[in-house]
């Protein structure tokens, strides 16, 4: 049976831990090695900004940048450690959920999804930065 974007996001949220902005902020303060990935297209991030220090890897490119079996120059070395703590986000959460599930399905063992995305982060008063 075909699934909608919303159904796929709900499935992802059911399978990958979801954390609040306050929990994400606390974790980032305690562990500077945590990688925050914003899976939106760069043009979208340019309009809204993102979490300070987040790495932009669009959902489409995440599919191969996180794959250890593609040619090495296609990969992103920041994704080499499959046990590194990662928080995945987008602007509101659903695309970030899909990105988190993608990484989970690819064998990443410490992935979380930011509940409410960058907008919830902003609403909670946490720092952002402009793209570029």
Protein backbone atom coordinates (compact mmCIF):
# COMPACT_ATOMS: atom_id res chain seq x y z
CA UNK A 1 0.00 0.00 0.00
CA UNK A 2 1.29 3.44 -0.91
CA UNK A 3 2.27 5.79 1.91
CA UNK A 4 2.01 9.55 2.15
CA UNK A 5 4.76 11.87 3.37
CA UNK A 6 2.92 12.20 6.69
CA UNK A 7 2.62 8.45 7.10
CA UNK A 8 6.31 7.96 6.36
CA UNK A 9 7.20 10.67 8.91
CA UNK A 10 4.94 9.03 11.51
CA UNK A 11 6.62 5.67 10.86
CA UNK A 12 10.03 7.29 11.29
CA UNK A 13 8.99 8.92 14.57
CA UNK A 14 7.77 5.55 15.81
CA UNK A 15 11.18 3.97 15.11
CA UNK A 16 13.74 6.68 15.94
CA UNK A 17 13.94 8.53 19.26
CA UNK A 18 12.46 12.03 19.21
CA UNK A 19 13.92 14.68 21.53
CA UNK A 20 12.67 18.10 22.54
CA UNK A 21 14.58 21.30 21.77
CA UNK A 22 15.49 21.61 25.46
CA UNK A 23 16.89 18.05 25.51
CA UNK A 24 18.82 18.70 22.27
CA UNK A 25 20.23 21.93 23.68
CA UNK A 26 21.27 20.18 26.91
CA UNK A 27 22.97 17.39 24.97
CA UNK A 28 24.80 19.87 22.74
CA UNK A 29 26.10 21.72 25.79
CA UNK A 30 27.35 18.49 27.35
CA UNK A 31 28.84 16.85 24.24
CA UNK A 32 30.49 19.01 21.57
CA UNK A 33 30.91 15.91 19.36
CA UNK A 34 27.18 15.70 18.64
CA UNK A 35 26.48 16.28 14.98
CA UNK A 36 23.35 18.22 14.06
CA UNK A 37 22.25 17.62 10.49
CA UNK A 38 19.70 19.89 8.82
CA UNK A 39 18.34 17.90 5.88
CA UNK A 40 16.67 20.80 4.06
CA UNK A 41 17.91 22.17 0.78
CA UNK A 42 20.48 24.94 1.21
CA UNK A 43 18.12 27.49 -0.36
CA UNK A 44 15.53 26.79 2.35
CA UNK A 45 18.11 27.17 5.12
CA UNK A 46 19.26 30.45 3.57
CA UNK A 47 15.75 31.83 4.10
CA UNK A 48 15.31 30.73 7.72
CA UNK A 49 18.72 30.00 9.20
CA UNK A 50 19.47 26.86 11.18
CA UNK A 51 20.74 25.66 14.53
CA UNK A 52 24.13 27.13 15.33
CA UNK A 53 26.81 24.67 14.22
CA UNK A 54 24.44 22.43 12.25
CA UNK A 55 25.73 20.75 9.13
CA UNK A 56 23.55 21.03 6.02
CA UNK A 57 23.29 17.69 4.24
CA UNK A 58 20.11 17.67 2.17
CA UNK A 59 17.88 14.62 2.43
CA UNK A 60 18.57 13.71 -1.19
CA UNK A 61 22.34 13.77 -0.78
CA UNK A 62 22.22 12.10 2.65
CA UNK A 63 21.21 8.90 0.89
CA UNK A 64 24.67 8.55 -0.63
CA UNK A 65 26.85 10.73 1.62
CA UNK A 66 26.14 8.30 4.48
CA UNK A 67 26.71 5.16 2.38
CA UNK A 68 30.02 3.37 2.92
CA UNK A 69 29.68 1.41 -0.32
CA UNK A 70 29.56 4.28 -2.79
CA UNK A 71 32.79 5.72 -4.21
CA UNK A 72 34.76 7.47 -1.48
CA UNK A 73 34.51 10.90 -3.10
CA UNK A 74 30.69 10.69 -2.87
CA UNK A 75 30.77 10.16 0.91
CA UNK A 76 30.90 12.79 3.63
CA UNK A 77 33.72 11.92 6.06
CA UNK A 78 31.76 13.51 8.90
CA UNK A 79 29.43 10.49 8.63
CA UNK A 80 32.14 7.83 8.84
CA UNK A 81 31.51 7.03 12.53
CA UNK A 82 28.19 5.20 12.71
CA UNK A 83 28.13 5.47 16.52
CA UNK A 84 28.55 9.26 16.63
CA UNK A 85 25.57 10.98 18.26
CA UNK A 86 23.47 12.71 15.59
CA UNK A 87 20.41 14.94 15.85
CA UNK A 88 18.51 15.34 12.58
CA UNK A 89 16.25 18.30 11.87
CA UNK A 90 14.42 20.31 9.22
CA UNK A 91 12.18 23.36 9.63
CA UNK A 92 9.14 21.66 11.25
CA UNK A 93 10.23 18.06 11.84
CA UNK A 94 8.78 15.62 9.27
CA UNK A 95 11.64 15.72 6.77
CA UNK A 96 14.09 15.53 9.67
CA UNK A 97 12.24 12.43 10.82
CA UNK A 98 12.73 10.84 7.41
CA UNK A 99 16.42 11.75 7.54
CA UNK A 100 16.76 10.24 11.00
CA UNK A 101 15.10 7.03 9.89
CA UNK A 102 17.31 6.88 6.80
CA UNK A 103 20.43 7.06 8.98
CA UNK A 104 18.94 4.54 11.42
CA UNK A 105 18.21 2.16 8.55
CA UNK A 106 21.78 2.60 7.29
CA UNK A 107 23.18 1.38 10.59
CA UNK A 108 23.75 4.59 12.54
CA UNK A 109 23.23 3.65 16.18
CA UNK A 110 22.84 6.98 18.01
CA UNK A 111 20.36 9.04 15.98
CA UNK A 112 17.65 11.33 17.34
CA UNK A 113 15.02 13.48 15.63
CA UNK A 114 14.44 17.06 16.81
CA UNK A 115 10.76 17.39 17.72
CA UNK A 116 9.28 20.37 15.89
CA UNK A 117 12.47 21.04 13.94
CA UNK A 118 14.30 24.34 13.73
CA UNK A 119 11.06 26.26 14.26
CA UNK A 120 10.58 24.65 17.69
CA UNK A 121 14.25 25.38 18.46
CA UNK A 122 13.71 29.06 17.58
CA UNK A 123 10.45 29.21 19.54
CA UNK A 124 12.32 27.88 22.59
CA UNK A 125 14.80 30.76 22.28
CA UNK A 126 17.88 28.78 21.33
CA UNK A 127 20.61 30.22 19.05
CA UNK A 128 20.55 29.99 15.28
CA UNK A 129 22.81 31.16 12.52
CA UNK A 130 22.38 32.25 8.95
CA UNK A 131 23.45 29.91 6.21
CA UNK A 132 26.62 30.62 4.35
